[in-house]
Amino acid sequence: MIGNEDRLRIQAWIDGELASQESSRIADLVDSDMQAKELAEELKTIQTILKTGEKELKIEDSEEFYWNQVQQKIEI
């Protein structure tokens, strides 16, 4: 079982924030420990999702129409 300290170091490793010696130690940990490997893969997936971001949503109706709808709902 990996501890909180190693979890934080794995996150820093994924983000490229570790010195080369510490980075090598964490890379070895990720290679040899299944729980560390799963955490690293999950963090990489999250990192990719965050980089991709959400798709922009365009509203077909005018801004005025949208706010009129909101106002009508409030008045009900």
C-alpha atoms as a PDB file:
ATOM      1  CA  MET A   1       0.000   0.000   0.000  1.00  0.00           C
ATOM      2  CA  ILE A   2       1.403   3.363  -0.979  1.00  0.00           C
ATOM      3  CA  GLY A   3       1.340   6.166   1.567  1.00  0.00           C
ATOM      4  CA  ASN A   4       0.150   9.739   1.217  1.00  0.00           C
ATOM      5  CA  GLU A   5       3.723  10.975   0.734  1.00  0.00           C
ATOM      6  CA  ASP A   6       4.203   8.660  -2.246  1.00  0.00           C
ATOM      7  CA  ARG A   7       0.810   9.671  -3.650  1.00  0.00           C
ATOM      8  CA  LEU A   8       1.887  13.301  -3.612  1.00  0.00           C
ATOM      9  CA  ARG A   9       5.234  12.414  -5.172  1.00  0.00           C
ATOM     10  CA  ILE A  10       3.501  10.442  -7.939  1.00  0.00           C
ATOM     11  CA  GLN A  11       1.332  13.466  -8.657  1.00  0.00           C
ATOM     12  CA  ALA A  12       4.414  15.708  -8.749  1.00  0.00           C
ATOM     13  CA  TRP A  13       6.127  13.143 -11.013  1.00  0.00           C
ATOM     14  CA  ILE A  14       3.184  13.200 -13.446  1.00  0.00           C
ATOM     15  CA  ASP A  15       3.349  17.010 -13.457  1.00  0.00           C
ATOM     16  CA  GLY A  16       7.115  16.958 -14.127  1.00  0.00           C
ATOM     17  CA  GLU A  17       7.929  18.705 -10.854  1.00  0.00           C
ATOM     18  CA  LEU A  18      10.519  16.307  -9.395  1.00  0.00           C
ATOM     19  CA  ALA A  19      14.300  16.409  -9.591  1.00  0.00           C
ATOM     20  CA  SER A  20      15.795  13.681 -11.774  1.00  0.00           C
ATOM     21  CA  GLN A  21      16.916  11.425  -8.886  1.00  0.00           C
ATOM     22  CA  GLU A  22      13.513  11.571  -7.176  1.00  0.00           C
ATOM     23  CA  SER A  23      11.807  11.189 -10.538  1.00  0.00           C
ATOM     24  CA  SER A  24      13.750   7.967 -11.153  1.00  0.00           C
ATOM     25  CA  ARG A  25      12.745   6.617  -7.736  1.00  0.00           C
ATOM     26  CA  ILE A  26       9.062   7.329  -8.392  1.00  0.00           C
ATOM     27  CA  ALA A  27       9.272   5.843 -11.897  1.00  0.00           C
ATOM     28  CA  ASP A  28      10.671   2.652 -10.321  1.00  0.00           C
ATOM     29  CA  LEU A  29       7.867   2.677  -7.741  1.00  0.00           C
ATOM     30  CA  VAL A  30       5.237   3.047 -10.476  1.00  0.00           C
ATOM     31  CA  ASP A  31       6.846   0.188 -12.433  1.00  0.00           C
ATOM     32  CA  SER A  32       6.993  -2.157  -9.455  1.00  0.00           C
ATOM     33  CA  ASP A  33       3.835  -1.374  -7.462  1.00  0.00           C
ATOM     34  CA  MET A  34       0.415  -2.050  -8.986  1.00  0.00           C
ATOM     35  CA  GLN A  35      -1.376   0.497  -6.770  1.00  0.00           C
ATOM     36  CA  ALA A  36       1.163   3.185  -7.685  1.00  0.00           C
ATOM     37  CA  LYS A  37       0.804   2.281 -11.353  1.00  0.00           C
ATOM     38  CA  GLU A  38      -3.006   2.537 -11.206  1.00  0.00           C
ATOM     39  CA  LEU A  39      -2.772   5.910  -9.463  1.00  0.00           C
ATOM     40  CA  ALA A  40      -0.304   7.198 -12.074  1.00  0.00           C
ATOM     41  CA  GLU A  41      -2.570   6.057 -14.918  1.00  0.00           C
ATOM     42  CA  GLU A  42      -5.598   7.688 -13.294  1.00  0.00           C
ATOM     43  CA  LEU A  43      -3.703  10.961 -12.792  1.00  0.00           C
ATOM     44  CA  LYS A  44      -2.489  10.908 -16.410  1.00  0.00           C
ATOM     45  CA  THR A  45      -6.074  10.412 -17.592  1.00  0.00           C
ATOM     46  CA  ILE A  46      -7.282  13.325 -15.464  1.00  0.00           C
ATOM     47  CA  GLN A  47      -4.435  15.481 -16.766  1.00  0.00           C
ATOM     48  CA  THR A  48      -5.422  14.695 -20.361  1.00  0.00           C
ATOM     49  CA  ILE A  49      -9.068  15.490 -19.689  1.00  0.00           C
ATOM     50  CA  LEU A  50      -8.160  18.810 -18.087  1.00  0.00           C
ATOM     51  CA  LYS A  51      -5.929  19.740 -21.015  1.00  0.00           C
ATOM     52  CA  THR A  52      -8.700  18.913 -23.472  1.00  0.00           C
ATOM     53  CA  GLY A  53     -11.248  20.970 -21.572  1.00  0.00           C
ATOM     54  CA  GLU A  54     -14.922  21.142 -22.149  1.00  0.00           C
ATOM     55  CA  LYS A  55     -16.334  21.733 -25.572  1.00  0.00           C
ATOM     56  CA  GLU A  56     -17.785  25.170 -26.100  1.00  0.00           C
ATOM     57  CA  LEU A  57     -21.570  25.182 -26.028  1.00  0.00           C
ATOM     58  CA  LYS A  58     -23.333  27.575 -28.352  1.00  0.00           C
ATOM     59  CA  ILE A  59     -26.895  28.605 -27.630  1.00  0.00           C
ATOM     60  CA  GLU A  60     -28.952  28.927 -30.783  1.00  0.00           C
ATOM     61  CA  ASP A  61     -31.384  31.432 -29.268  1.00  0.00           C
ATOM     62  CA  SER A  62     -30.500  35.080 -28.719  1.00  0.00           C
ATOM     63  CA  GLU A  63     -29.260  36.239 -25.361  1.00  0.00           C
ATOM     64  CA  GLU A  64     -32.379  38.361 -24.927  1.00  0.00           C
ATOM     65  CA  PHE A  65     -34.659  35.367 -25.563  1.00  0.00           C
ATOM     66  CA  TYR A  66     -32.716  33.283 -23.054  1.00  0.00           C
ATOM     67  CA  TRP A  67     -32.951  35.906 -20.281  1.00  0.00           C
ATOM     68  CA  ASN A  68     -36.640  36.481 -21.013  1.00  0.00           C
ATOM     69  CA  GLN A  69     -37.202  32.762 -20.406  1.00  0.00           C
ATOM     70  CA  VAL A  70     -35.337  32.991 -17.106  1.00  0.00           C
ATOM     71  CA  GLN A  71     -37.376  36.014 -16.061  1.00  0.00           C
ATOM     72  CA  GLN A  72     -40.646  34.265 -16.902  1.00  0.00           C
ATOM     73  CA  LYS A  73     -39.668  31.266 -14.757  1.00  0.00           C
ATOM     74  CA  ILE A  74     -38.844  33.565 -11.853  1.00  0.00           C
ATOM     75  CA  GLU A  75     -42.179  35.365 -12.105  1.00  0.00           C
ATOM     76  CA  ILE A  76     -44.199  32.132 -12.024  1.00  0.00           C
END
